[in-house]
Amino acid sequence: MDSSGRFLQGVFSFVGKGLEAPFLLAGELRYVVPDGVVAQPVYLRGGNSSDELVCVILMRDGVPMRYFPVGAKAGTHVSLRVVEDLEPGTVVELYVAAPDGVPGTLVVDLGLVEV
């Protein structure tokens, strides 16, 4: 069985809209599972330059799947293995939630594997 890695990653500036108002950080942080494979998230790494806690949210078809709090001027690495497969056509996105008006830069790296 062959597998391939896929990555949603980059460095992105943001201005928070409220911890209860998450938004898509950037269009390139969107992934659709292609036909003929299933995908699984494997890890998330994130760094936050702002002076406030932010939250990276892994969305699945528009619904929160996992929350990753990232402290002020801190980073996180979460190894994860989602038990359920992401079927073809599933849309995966990375959102961020930050306090209203707080500017910052987020470094994110979400690793997925297609099987």
PDB file of N, CA and C in Angstrom:
ATOM      1  N   MET A   1       0.849  -1.171   0.000  1.00  0.00           N
ATOM      2  CA  MET A   1       0.000   0.000   0.000  1.00  0.00           C
ATOM      3  C   MET A   1       0.900   1.242   0.000  1.00  0.00           C
ATOM      4  N   ASP A   2       0.763   2.068  -1.023  1.00  0.00           N
ATOM      5  CA  ASP A   2       1.543   3.298  -1.109  1.00  0.00           C
ATOM      6  C   ASP A   2       0.848   4.410  -0.331  1.00  0.00           C
ATOM      7  N   SER A   3       1.647   5.321   0.199  1.00  0.00           N
ATOM      8  CA  SER A   3       1.084   6.496   0.863  1.00  0.00           C
ATOM      9  C   SER A   3       1.864   7.719   0.409  1.00  0.00           C
ATOM     10  N   SER A   4       1.220   8.862   0.478  1.00  0.00           N
ATOM     11  CA  SER A   4       1.834  10.130   0.084  1.00  0.00           C
ATOM     12  C   SER A   4       1.544  11.182   1.141  1.00  0.00           C
ATOM     13  N   GLY A   5       2.549  11.990   1.430  1.00  0.00           N
ATOM     14  CA  GLY A   5       2.367  13.081   2.378  1.00  0.00           C
ATOM     15  C   GLY A   5       1.800  14.307   1.697  1.00  0.00           C
ATOM     16  N   ARG A   6       0.964  15.019   2.395  1.00  0.00           N
ATOM     17  CA  ARG A   6       0.431  16.313   1.949  1.00  0.00           C
ATOM     18  C   ARG A   6       0.593  17.289   3.115  1.00  0.00           C
ATOM     19  N   PHE A   7       0.807  18.560   2.789  1.00  0.00           N
ATOM     20  CA  PHE A   7       1.108  19.532   3.823  1.00  0.00           C
ATOM     21  C   PHE A   7       0.340  20.826   3.578  1.00  0.00           C
ATOM     22  N   LEU A   8      -0.238  21.343   4.628  1.00  0.00           N
ATOM     23  CA  LEU A   8      -0.816  22.685   4.613  1.00  0.00           C
ATOM     24  C   LEU A   8       0.109  23.500   5.500  1.00  0.00           C
ATOM     25  N   GLN A   9       0.852  24.417   4.898  1.00  0.00           N
ATOM     26  CA  GLN A   9       1.883  25.089   5.678  1.00  0.00           C
ATOM     27  C   GLN A   9       2.188  26.471   5.130  1.00  0.00           C
ATOM     28  N   GLY A  10       2.780  27.291   6.001  1.00  0.00           N
ATOM     29  CA  GLY A  10       3.208  28.613   5.599  1.00  0.00           C
ATOM     30  C   GLY A  10       3.256  29.560   6.785  1.00  0.00           C
ATOM     31  N   VAL A  11       3.547  30.815   6.463  1.00  0.00           N
ATOM     32  CA  VAL A  11       3.623  31.888   7.451  1.00  0.00           C
ATOM     33  C   VAL A  11       2.578  32.925   7.048  1.00  0.00           C
ATOM     34  N   PHE A  12       1.683  33.251   7.981  1.00  0.00           N
ATOM     35  CA  PHE A  12       0.532  34.080   7.638  1.00  0.00           C
ATOM     36  C   PHE A  12       0.284  35.140   8.709  1.00  0.00           C
ATOM     37  N   SER A  13       0.084  36.357   8.267  1.00  0.00           N
ATOM     38  CA  SER A  13      -0.289  37.434   9.184  1.00  0.00           C
ATOM     39  C   SER A  13      -1.797  37.419   9.380  1.00  0.00           C
ATOM     40  N   PHE A  14      -2.226  37.901  10.541  1.00  0.00           N
ATOM     41  CA  PHE A  14      -3.652  37.948  10.821  1.00  0.00           C
ATOM     42  C   PHE A  14      -3.961  39.110  11.764  1.00  0.00           C
ATOM     43  N   VAL A  15      -5.220  39.458  11.815  1.00  0.00           N
ATOM     44  CA  VAL A  15      -5.764  40.356  12.837  1.00  0.00           C
ATOM     45  C   VAL A  15      -6.981  39.640  13.399  1.00  0.00           C
ATOM     46  N   GLY A  16      -6.968  39.392  14.695  1.00  0.00           N
ATOM     47  CA  GLY A  16      -8.025  38.624  15.334  1.00  0.00           C
ATOM     48  C   GLY A  16      -9.395  39.273  15.226  1.00  0.00           C
ATOM     49  N   LYS A  17     -10.400  38.420  15.195  1.00  0.00           N
ATOM     50  CA  LYS A  17     -11.793  38.876  15.134  1.00  0.00           C
ATOM     51  C   LYS A  17     -12.565  38.425  16.375  1.00  0.00           C
ATOM     52  N   GLY A  18     -11.850  37.842  17.350  1.00  0.00           N
ATOM     53  CA  GLY A  18     -12.491  37.317  18.552  1.00  0.00           C
ATOM     54  C   GLY A  18     -12.244  35.826  18.656  1.00  0.00           C
ATOM     55  N   LEU A  19     -12.052  35.358  19.879  1.00  0.00           N
ATOM     56  CA  LEU A  19     -11.787  33.917  20.058  1.00  0.00           C
ATOM     57  C   LEU A  19     -12.986  33.065  19.661  1.00  0.00           C
ATOM     58  N   GLU A  20     -14.150  33.673  19.607  1.00  0.00           N
ATOM     59  CA  GLU A  20     -15.345  32.933  19.196  1.00  0.00           C
ATOM     60  C   GLU A  20     -15.719  33.221  17.744  1.00  0.00           C
ATOM     61  N   ALA A  21     -14.791  33.835  17.004  1.00  0.00           N
ATOM     62  CA  ALA A  21     -15.057  34.170  15.600  1.00  0.00           C
ATOM     63  C   ALA A  21     -13.889  33.696  14.722  1.00  0.00           C
ATOM     64  N   PRO A  22     -13.718  32.372  14.598  1.00  0.00           N
ATOM     65  CA  PRO A  22     -12.606  31.862  13.780  1.00  0.00           C
ATOM     66  C   PRO A  22     -12.818  32.154  12.296  1.00  0.00           C
ATOM     67  N   PHE A  23     -11.698  32.224  11.584  1.00  0.00           N
ATOM     68  CA  PHE A  23     -11.762  32.471  10.143  1.00  0.00           C
ATOM     69  C   PHE A  23     -10.641  31.708   9.447  1.00  0.00           C
ATOM     70  N   LEU A  24     -10.864  31.448   8.142  1.00  0.00           N
ATOM     71  CA  LEU A  24      -9.853  30.773   7.330  1.00  0.00           C
ATOM     72  C   LEU A  24      -8.639  31.676   7.238  1.00  0.00           C
ATOM     73  N   LEU A  25      -7.500  31.164   7.627  1.00  0.00           N
ATOM     74  CA  LEU A  25      -6.289  31.975   7.682  1.00  0.00           C
ATOM     75  C   LEU A  25      -5.803  32.364   6.294  1.00  0.00           C
ATOM     76  N   ALA A  26      -5.861  31.456   5.336  1.00  0.00           N
ATOM     77  CA  ALA A  26      -5.435  31.730   3.960  1.00  0.00           C
ATOM     78  C   ALA A  26      -5.991  30.625   3.060  1.00  0.00           C
ATOM     79  N   GLY A  27      -6.239  30.968   1.811  1.00  0.00           N
ATOM     80  CA  GLY A  27      -6.817  30.011   0.871  1.00  0.00           C
ATOM     81  C   GLY A  27      -5.978  28.769   0.672  1.00  0.00           C
ATOM     82  N   GLU A  28      -4.651  28.907   0.789  1.00  0.00           N
ATOM     83  CA  GLU A  28      -3.790  27.734   0.593  1.00  0.00           C
ATOM     84  C   GLU A  28      -3.833  26.761   1.767  1.00  0.00           C
ATOM     85  N   LEU A  29      -4.570  27.111   2.813  1.00  0.00           N
ATOM     86  CA  LEU A  29      -4.715  26.198   3.948  1.00  0.00           C
ATOM     87  C   LEU A  29      -6.027  25.415   3.835  1.00  0.00           C
ATOM     88  N   ARG A  30      -6.378  25.133   2.598  1.00  0.00           N
ATOM     89  CA  ARG A  30      -7.580  24.348   2.295  1.00  0.00           C
ATOM     90  C   ARG A  30      -7.157  23.157   1.449  1.00  0.00           C
ATOM     91  N   TYR A  31      -7.690  21.972   1.773  1.00  0.00           N
ATOM     92  CA  TYR A  31      -7.331  20.731   1.088  1.00  0.00           C
ATOM     93  C   TYR A  31      -8.589  19.898   0.905  1.00  0.00           C
ATOM     94  N   VAL A  32      -8.755  19.354  -0.289  1.00  0.00           N
ATOM     95  CA  VAL A  32      -9.875  18.460  -0.571  1.00  0.00           C
ATOM     96  C   VAL A  32      -9.289  17.082  -0.840  1.00  0.00           C
ATOM     97  N   VAL A  33      -9.754  16.086  -0.118  1.00  0.00           N
ATOM     98  CA  VAL A  33      -9.253  14.719  -0.304  1.00  0.00           C
ATOM     99  C   VAL A  33      -9.633  14.268  -1.713  1.00  0.00           C
ATOM    100  N   PRO A  34      -8.620  13.882  -2.514  1.00  0.00           N
ATOM    101  CA  PRO A  34      -8.912  13.500  -3.897  1.00  0.00           C
ATOM    102  C   PRO A  34      -9.625  12.142  -3.988  1.00  0.00           C
ATOM    103  N   ASP A  35     -10.244  11.921  -5.135  1.00  0.00           N
ATOM    104  CA  ASP A  35     -10.887  10.632  -5.397  1.00  0.00           C
ATOM    105  C   ASP A  35      -9.854   9.513  -5.361  1.00  0.00           C
ATOM    106  N   GLY A  36     -10.254   8.365  -4.866  1.00  0.00           N
ATOM    107  CA  GLY A  36      -9.412   7.178  -4.893  1.00  0.00           C
ATOM    108  C   GLY A  36      -8.489   7.010  -3.706  1.00  0.00           C
ATOM    109  N   VAL A  37      -8.492   7.964  -2.768  1.00  0.00           N
ATOM    110  CA  VAL A  37      -7.652   7.839  -1.577  1.00  0.00           C
ATOM    111  C   VAL A  37      -8.457   8.265  -0.345  1.00  0.00           C
ATOM    112  N   VAL A  38      -7.945   7.877   0.811  1.00  0.00           N
ATOM    113  CA  VAL A  38      -8.428   8.449   2.072  1.00  0.00           C
ATOM    114  C   VAL A  38      -7.238   9.158   2.687  1.00  0.00           C
ATOM    115  N   ALA A  39      -7.514  10.120   3.538  1.00  0.00           N
ATOM    116  CA  ALA A  39      -6.438  10.897   4.168  1.00  0.00           C
ATOM    117  C   ALA A  39      -6.624  10.888   5.679  1.00  0.00           C
ATOM    118  N   GLN A  40      -5.506  11.092   6.365  1.00  0.00           N
ATOM    119  CA  GLN A  40      -5.538  11.205   7.826  1.00  0.00           C
ATOM    120  C   GLN A  40      -4.569  12.301   8.240  1.00  0.00           C
ATOM    121  N   PRO A  41      -4.995  13.217   9.126  1.00  0.00           N
ATOM    122  CA  PRO A  41      -4.047  14.176   9.695  1.00  0.00           C
ATOM    123  C   PRO A  41      -3.061  13.441  10.590  1.00  0.00           C
ATOM    124  N   VAL A  42      -1.801  13.842  10.532  1.00  0.00           N
ATOM    125  CA  VAL A  42      -0.751  13.146  11.285  1.00  0.00           C
ATOM    126  C   VAL A  42      -0.164  14.040  12.383  1.00  0.00           C
ATOM    127  N   TYR A  43      -0.002  15.322  12.083  1.00  0.00           N
ATOM    128  CA  TYR A  43       0.559  16.219  13.099  1.00  0.00           C
ATOM    129  C   TYR A  43       0.183  17.660  12.770  1.00  0.00           C
ATOM    130  N   LEU A  44       0.340  18.523  13.760  1.00  0.00           N
ATOM    131  CA  LEU A  44       0.224  19.970  13.553  1.00  0.00           C
ATOM    132  C   LEU A  44       1.331  20.649  14.345  1.00  0.00           C
ATOM    133  N   ARG A  45       2.018  21.540  13.692  1.00  0.00           N
ATOM    134  CA  ARG A  45       2.991  22.407  14.344  1.00  0.00           C
ATOM    135  C   ARG A  45       2.514  23.840  14.138  1.00  0.00           C
ATOM    136  N   GLY A  46       2.675  24.646  15.148  1.00  0.00           N
ATOM    137  CA  GLY A  46       2.263  26.030  15.008  1.00  0.00           C
ATOM    138  C   GLY A  46       3.079  26.941  15.895  1.00  0.00           C
ATOM    139  N   GLY A  47       3.320  28.148  15.418  1.00  0.00           N
ATOM    140  CA  GLY A  47       4.001  29.175  16.192  1.00  0.00           C
ATOM    141  C   GLY A  47       3.200  30.462  16.091  1.00  0.00           C
ATOM    142  N   ASN A  48       3.137  31.201  17.202  1.00  0.00           N
ATOM    143  CA  ASN A  48       2.309  32.397  17.293  1.00  0.00           C
ATOM    144  C   ASN A  48       3.177  33.569  17.740  1.00  0.00           C
ATOM    145  N   SER A  49       3.245  34.627  16.928  1.00  0.00           N
ATOM    146  CA  SER A  49       4.075  35.785  17.260  1.00  0.00           C
ATOM    147  C   SER A  49       3.356  36.810  18.132  1.00  0.00           C
ATOM    148  N   SER A  50       2.051  36.670  18.293  1.00  0.00           N
ATOM    149  CA  SER A  50       1.300  37.723  18.993  1.00  0.00           C
ATOM    150  C   SER A  50       1.491  37.651  20.509  1.00  0.00           C
ATOM    151  N   ASP A  51       0.990  38.686  21.187  1.00  0.00           N
ATOM    152  CA  ASP A  51       1.073  38.760  22.654  1.00  0.00           C
ATOM    153  C   ASP A  51      -0.096  38.069  23.342  1.00  0.00           C
ATOM    154  N   GLU A  52      -0.935  37.403  22.584  1.00  0.00           N
ATOM    155  CA  GLU A  52      -2.135  36.766  23.138  1.00  0.00           C
ATOM    156  C   GLU A  52      -2.237  35.309  22.682  1.00  0.00           C
ATOM    157  N   LEU A  53      -2.965  34.519  23.448  1.00  0.00           N
ATOM    158  CA  LEU A  53      -3.279  33.154  23.054  1.00  0.00           C
ATOM    159  C   LEU A  53      -4.122  33.180  21.781  1.00  0.00           C
ATOM    160  N   VAL A  54      -3.822  32.295  20.851  1.00  0.00           N
ATOM    161  CA  VAL A  54      -4.665  32.112  19.682  1.00  0.00           C
ATOM    162  C   VAL A  54      -5.034  30.636  19.604  1.00  0.00           C
ATOM    163  N   CYS A  55      -5.958  30.317  18.738  1.00  0.00           N
ATOM    164  CA  CYS A  55      -6.371  28.931  18.582  1.00  0.00           C
ATOM    165  C   CYS A  55      -6.427  28.595  17.098  1.00  0.00           C
ATOM    166  N   VAL A  56      -5.693  27.557  16.716  1.00  0.00           N
ATOM    167  CA  VAL A  56      -5.774  27.034  15.354  1.00  0.00           C
ATOM    168  C   VAL A  56      -6.831  25.931  15.382  1.00  0.00           C
ATOM    169  N   ILE A  57      -7.726  25.971  14.425  1.00  0.00           N
ATOM    170  CA  ILE A  57      -8.836  25.017  14.400  1.00  0.00           C
ATOM    171  C   ILE A  57      -8.794  24.239  13.092  1.00  0.00           C
ATOM    172  N   LEU A  58      -8.717  22.916  13.213  1.00  0.00           N
ATOM    173  CA  LEU A  58      -8.796  22.043  12.046  1.00  0.00           C
ATOM    174  C   LEU A  58     -10.270  21.809  11.759  1.00  0.00           C
ATOM    175  N   MET A  59     -10.701  22.296  10.590  1.00  0.00           N
ATOM    176  CA  MET A  59     -12.101  22.178  10.197  1.00  0.00           C
ATOM    177  C   MET A  59     -12.266  21.026   9.214  1.00  0.00           C
ATOM    178  N   ARG A  60     -13.354  20.324   9.351  1.00  0.00           N
ATOM    179  CA  ARG A  60     -13.706  19.230   8.438  1.00  0.00           C
ATOM    180  C   ARG A  60     -15.092  19.520   7.890  1.00  0.00           C
ATOM    181  N   ASP A  61     -15.170  19.794   6.601  1.00  0.00           N
ATOM    182  CA  ASP A  61     -16.446  20.134   5.957  1.00  0.00           C
ATOM    183  C   ASP A  61     -17.183  21.236   6.719  1.00  0.00           C
ATOM    184  N   GLY A  62     -16.407  22.229   7.173  1.00  0.00           N
ATOM    185  CA  GLY A  62     -16.993  23.392   7.823  1.00  0.00           C
ATOM    186  C   GLY A  62     -17.314  23.235   9.295  1.00  0.00           C
ATOM    187  N   VAL A  63     -16.951  22.085   9.873  1.00  0.00           N
ATOM    188  CA  VAL A  63     -17.236  21.816  11.285  1.00  0.00           C
ATOM    189  C   VAL A  63     -15.908  21.608  12.011  1.00  0.00           C
ATOM    190  N   PRO A  64     -15.734  22.229  13.196  1.00  0.00           N
ATOM    191  CA  PRO A  64     -14.473  22.020  13.927  1.00  0.00           C
ATOM    192  C   PRO A  64     -14.239  20.538  14.224  1.00  0.00           C
ATOM    193  N   MET A  65     -13.000  20.120  13.951  1.00  0.00           N
ATOM    194  CA  MET A  65     -12.609  18.722  14.173  1.00  0.00           C
ATOM    195  C   MET A  65     -11.649  18.614  15.355  1.00  0.00           C
ATOM    196  N   ARG A  66     -10.677  19.561  15.445  1.00  0.00           N
ATOM    197  CA  ARG A  66      -9.717  19.602  16.544  1.00  0.00           C
ATOM    198  C   ARG A  66      -9.347  21.068  16.802  1.00  0.00           C
ATOM    199  N   TYR A  67      -9.084  21.397  18.080  1.00  0.00           N
ATOM    200  CA  TYR A  67      -8.642  22.729  18.485  1.00  0.00           C
ATOM    201  C   TYR A  67      -7.203  22.626  18.978  1.00  0.00           C
ATOM    202  N   PHE A  68      -6.360  23.592  18.567  1.00  0.00           N
ATOM    203  CA  PHE A  68      -4.957  23.618  18.971  1.00  0.00           C
ATOM    204  C   PHE A  68      -4.633  25.010  19.537  1.00  0.00           C
ATOM    205  N   PRO A  69      -4.737  25.195  20.843  1.00  0.00           N
ATOM    206  CA  PRO A  69      -4.352  26.481  21.419  1.00  0.00           C
ATOM    207  C   PRO A  69      -2.842  26.688  21.270  1.00  0.00           C
ATOM    208  N   VAL A  70      -2.451  27.903  20.899  1.00  0.00           N
ATOM    209  CA  VAL A  70      -1.034  28.251  20.776  1.00  0.00           C
ATOM    210  C   VAL A  70      -0.813  29.503  21.618  1.00  0.00           C
ATOM    211  N   GLY A  71       0.050  29.385  22.620  1.00  0.00           N
ATOM    212  CA  GLY A  71       0.279  30.472  23.553  1.00  0.00           C
ATOM    213  C   GLY A  71       0.925  31.688  22.913  1.00  0.00           C
ATOM    214  N   ALA A  72       0.903  32.805  23.657  1.00  0.00           N
ATOM    215  CA  ALA A  72       1.526  34.045  23.205  1.00  0.00           C
ATOM    216  C   ALA A  72       3.021  33.831  23.002  1.00  0.00           C
ATOM    217  N   LYS A  73       3.514  34.254  21.864  1.00  0.00           N
ATOM    218  CA  LYS A  73       4.935  34.126  21.514  1.00  0.00           C
ATOM    219  C   LYS A  73       5.459  32.726  21.829  1.00  0.00           C
ATOM    220  N   ALA A  74       4.674  31.745  21.400  1.00  0.00           N
ATOM    221  CA  ALA A  74       5.009  30.353  21.701  1.00  0.00           C
ATOM    222  C   ALA A  74       4.693  29.471  20.496  1.00  0.00           C
ATOM    223  N   GLY A  75       5.089  28.223  20.634  1.00  0.00           N
ATOM    224  CA  GLY A  75       4.823  27.263  19.591  1.00  0.00           C
ATOM    225  C   GLY A  75       4.282  25.978  20.172  1.00  0.00           C
ATOM    226  N   THR A  76       3.771  25.134  19.302  1.00  0.00           N
ATOM    227  CA  THR A  76       3.251  23.842  19.736  1.00  0.00           C
ATOM    228  C   THR A  76       3.507  22.817  18.650  1.00  0.00           C
ATOM    229  N   HIS A  77       3.656  21.576  19.076  1.00  0.00           N
ATOM    230  CA  HIS A  77       3.754  20.449  18.150  1.00  0.00           C
ATOM    231  C   HIS A  77       2.861  19.355  18.710  1.00  0.00           C
ATOM    232  N   VAL A  78       1.849  19.000  17.945  1.00  0.00           N
ATOM    233  CA  VAL A  78       0.904  17.985  18.388  1.00  0.00           C
ATOM    234  C   VAL A  78       0.946  16.831  17.402  1.00  0.00           C
ATOM    235  N   SER A  79       1.413  15.705  17.891  1.00  0.00           N
ATOM    236  CA  SER A  79       1.324  14.486  17.087  1.00  0.00           C
ATOM    237  C   SER A  79      -0.084  13.958  17.243  1.00  0.00           C
ATOM    238  N   LEU A  80      -0.701  13.649  16.162  1.00  0.00           N
ATOM    239  CA  LEU A  80      -2.057  13.130  16.268  1.00  0.00           C
ATOM    240  C   LEU A  80      -2.299  12.113  15.186  1.00  0.00           C
ATOM    241  N   ARG A  81      -3.179  11.297  15.483  1.00  0.00           N
ATOM    242  CA  ARG A  81      -3.591  10.293  14.519  1.00  0.00           C
ATOM    243  C   ARG A  81      -5.093  10.201  14.651  1.00  0.00           C
ATOM    244  N   VAL A  82      -5.755  10.779  13.707  1.00  0.00           N
ATOM    245  CA  VAL A  82      -7.204  10.764  13.741  1.00  0.00           C
ATOM    246  C   VAL A  82      -7.642   9.367  13.329  1.00  0.00           C
ATOM    247  N   VAL A  83      -8.416   8.738  14.169  1.00  0.00           N
ATOM    248  CA  VAL A  83      -8.821   7.355  13.928  1.00  0.00           C
ATOM    249  C   VAL A  83      -9.664   7.251  12.665  1.00  0.00           C
ATOM    250  N   GLU A  84     -10.582   8.202  12.489  1.00  0.00           N
ATOM    251  CA  GLU A  84     -11.461   8.115  11.333  1.00  0.00           C
ATOM    252  C   GLU A  84     -10.744   8.599  10.071  1.00  0.00           C
ATOM    253  N   ASP A  85     -11.019   7.938   8.981  1.00  0.00           N
ATOM    254  CA  ASP A  85     -10.476   8.342   7.694  1.00  0.00           C
ATOM    255  C   ASP A  85     -11.239   9.542   7.166  1.00  0.00           C
ATOM    256  N   LEU A  86     -10.540  10.356   6.407  1.00  0.00           N
ATOM    257  CA  LEU A  86     -11.174  11.456   5.684  1.00  0.00           C
ATOM    258  C   LEU A  86     -11.431  10.947   4.271  1.00  0.00           C
ATOM    259  N   GLU A  87     -12.680  10.784   3.953  1.00  0.00           N
ATOM    260  CA  GLU A  87     -13.080  10.182   2.673  1.00  0.00           C
ATOM    261  C   GLU A  87     -12.881  11.159   1.515  1.00  0.00           C
ATOM    262  N   PRO A  88     -12.815  10.639   0.281  1.00  0.00           N
ATOM    263  CA  PRO A  88     -12.695  11.524  -0.879  1.00  0.00           C
ATOM    264  C   PRO A  88     -13.794  12.590  -0.882  1.00  0.00           C
ATOM    265  N   GLY A  89     -13.397  13.806  -1.217  1.00  0.00           N
ATOM    266  CA  GLY A  89     -14.330  14.927  -1.250  1.00  0.00           C
ATOM    267  C   GLY A  89     -14.398  15.703   0.057  1.00  0.00           C
ATOM    268  N   THR A  90     -13.830  15.147   1.134  1.00  0.00           N
ATOM    269  CA  THR A  90     -13.821  15.857   2.410  1.00  0.00           C
ATOM    270  C   THR A  90     -12.966  17.121   2.283  1.00  0.00           C
ATOM    271  N   VAL A  91     -13.478  18.234   2.796  1.00  0.00           N
ATOM    272  CA  VAL A  91     -12.734  19.494   2.763  1.00  0.00           C
ATOM    273  C   VAL A  91     -12.126  19.740   4.143  1.00  0.00           C
ATOM    274  N   VAL A  92     -10.802  19.919   4.156  1.00  0.00           N
ATOM    275  CA  VAL A  92     -10.063  20.195   5.386  1.00  0.00           C
ATOM    276  C   VAL A  92      -9.505  21.611   5.267  1.00  0.00           C
ATOM    277  N   GLU A  93      -9.687  22.407   6.347  1.00  0.00           N
ATOM    278  CA  GLU A  93      -9.197  23.787   6.355  1.00  0.00           C
ATOM    279  C   GLU A  93      -8.618  24.104   7.728  1.00  0.00           C
ATOM    280  N   LEU A  94      -7.673  25.046   7.742  1.00  0.00           N
ATOM    281  CA  LEU A  94      -7.138  25.546   9.004  1.00  0.00           C
ATOM    282  C   LEU A  94      -7.659  26.953   9.239  1.00  0.00           C
ATOM    283  N   TYR A  95      -8.365  27.121  10.343  1.00  0.00           N
ATOM    284  CA  TYR A  95      -8.876  28.409  10.773  1.00  0.00           C
ATOM    285  C   TYR A  95      -8.035  28.897  11.944  1.00  0.00           C
ATOM    286  N   VAL A  96      -8.115  30.191  12.203  1.00  0.00           N
ATOM    287  CA  VAL A  96      -7.500  30.755  13.398  1.00  0.00           C
ATOM    288  C   VAL A  96      -8.554  31.582  14.123  1.00  0.00           C
ATOM    289  N   ALA A  97      -8.470  31.549  15.441  1.00  0.00           N
ATOM    290  CA  ALA A  97      -9.298  32.418  16.281  1.00  0.00           C
ATOM    291  C   ALA A  97      -8.351  33.154  17.211  1.00  0.00           C
ATOM    292  N   ALA A  98      -8.491  34.472  17.262  1.00  0.00           N
ATOM    293  CA  ALA A  98      -7.629  35.313  18.098  1.00  0.00           C
ATOM    294  C   ALA A  98      -8.475  36.437  18.675  1.00  0.00           C
ATOM    295  N   PRO A  99      -8.055  36.992  19.823  1.00  0.00           N
ATOM    296  CA  PRO A  99      -8.814  38.100  20.393  1.00  0.00           C
ATOM    297  C   PRO A  99      -9.006  39.238  19.390  1.00  0.00           C
ATOM    298  N   ASP A 100     -10.135  39.911  19.501  1.00  0.00           N
ATOM    299  CA  ASP A 100     -10.506  40.962  18.562  1.00  0.00           C
ATOM    300  C   ASP A 100      -9.432  42.043  18.474  1.00  0.00           C
ATOM    301  N   GLY A 101      -8.969  42.329  17.259  1.00  0.00           N
ATOM    302  CA  GLY A 101      -8.015  43.385  16.987  1.00  0.00           C
ATOM    303  C   GLY A 101      -6.563  43.044  17.238  1.00  0.00           C
ATOM    304  N   VAL A 102      -6.281  41.848  17.719  1.00  0.00           N
ATOM    305  CA  VAL A 102      -4.891  41.449  18.001  1.00  0.00           C
ATOM    306  C   VAL A 102      -4.202  41.048  16.697  1.00  0.00           C
ATOM    307  N   PRO A 103      -3.103  41.754  16.353  1.00  0.00           N
ATOM    308  CA  PRO A 103      -2.357  41.369  15.161  1.00  0.00           C
ATOM    309  C   PRO A 103      -1.291  40.338  15.516  1.00  0.00           C
ATOM    310  N   GLY A 104      -0.940  39.538  14.524  1.00  0.00           N
ATOM    311  CA  GLY A 104       0.120  38.557  14.752  1.00  0.00           C
ATOM    312  C   GLY A 104       0.483  37.844  13.472  1.00  0.00           C
ATOM    313  N   THR A 105       1.434  36.983  13.607  1.00  0.00           N
ATOM    314  CA  THR A 105       1.844  36.112  12.513  1.00  0.00           C
ATOM    315  C   THR A 105       1.825  34.687  13.040  1.00  0.00           C
ATOM    316  N   LEU A 106       1.272  33.809  12.247  1.00  0.00           N
ATOM    317  CA  LEU A 106       1.166  32.407  12.627  1.00  0.00           C
ATOM    318  C   LEU A 106       1.969  31.566  11.643  1.00  0.00           C
ATOM    319  N   VAL A 107       2.785  30.697  12.185  1.00  0.00           N
ATOM    320  CA  VAL A 107       3.514  29.722  11.377  1.00  0.00           C
ATOM    321  C   VAL A 107       2.807  28.387  11.585  1.00  0.00           C
ATOM    322  N   VAL A 108       2.308  27.792  10.515  1.00  0.00           N
ATOM    323  CA  VAL A 108       1.579  26.531  10.656  1.00  0.00           C
ATOM    324  C   VAL A 108       2.112  25.486   9.692  1.00  0.00           C
ATOM    325  N   ASP A 109       2.011  24.256  10.124  1.00  0.00           N
ATOM    326  CA  ASP A 109       2.430  23.112   9.309  1.00  0.00           C
ATOM    327  C   ASP A 109       1.557  21.936   9.724  1.00  0.00           C
ATOM    328  N   LEU A 110       0.583  21.611   8.886  1.00  0.00           N
ATOM    329  CA  LEU A 110      -0.283  20.455   9.124  1.00  0.00           C
ATOM    330  C   LEU A 110       0.139  19.356   8.165  1.00  0.00           C
ATOM    331  N   GLY A 111       0.501  18.215   8.713  1.00  0.00           N
ATOM    332  CA  GLY A 111       0.884  17.074   7.896  1.00  0.00           C
ATOM    333  C   GLY A 111      -0.260  16.083   7.786  1.00  0.00           C
ATOM    334  N   LEU A 112      -0.531  15.666   6.554  1.00  0.00           N
ATOM    335  CA  LEU A 112      -1.561  14.652   6.304  1.00  0.00           C
ATOM    336  C   LEU A 112      -0.925  13.533   5.499  1.00  0.00           C
ATOM    337  N   VAL A 113      -1.501  12.375   5.566  1.00  0.00           N
ATOM    338  CA  VAL A 113      -1.054  11.277   4.731  1.00  0.00           C
ATOM    339  C   VAL A 113      -2.249  10.780   3.931  1.00  0.00           C
ATOM    340  N   GLU A 114      -2.015  10.544   2.641  1.00  0.00           N
ATOM    341  CA  GLU A 114      -3.027   9.943   1.768  1.00  0.00           C
ATOM    342  C   GLU A 114      -2.667   8.477   1.595  1.00  0.00           C
ATOM    343  N   VAL A 115      -3.645   7.616   1.756  1.00  0.00           N
ATOM    344  CA  VAL A 115      -3.434   6.172   1.587  1.00  0.00           C
ATOM    345  C   VAL A 115      -4.392   5.667   0.534  1.00  0.00           C
TER     346      VAL A 115
END
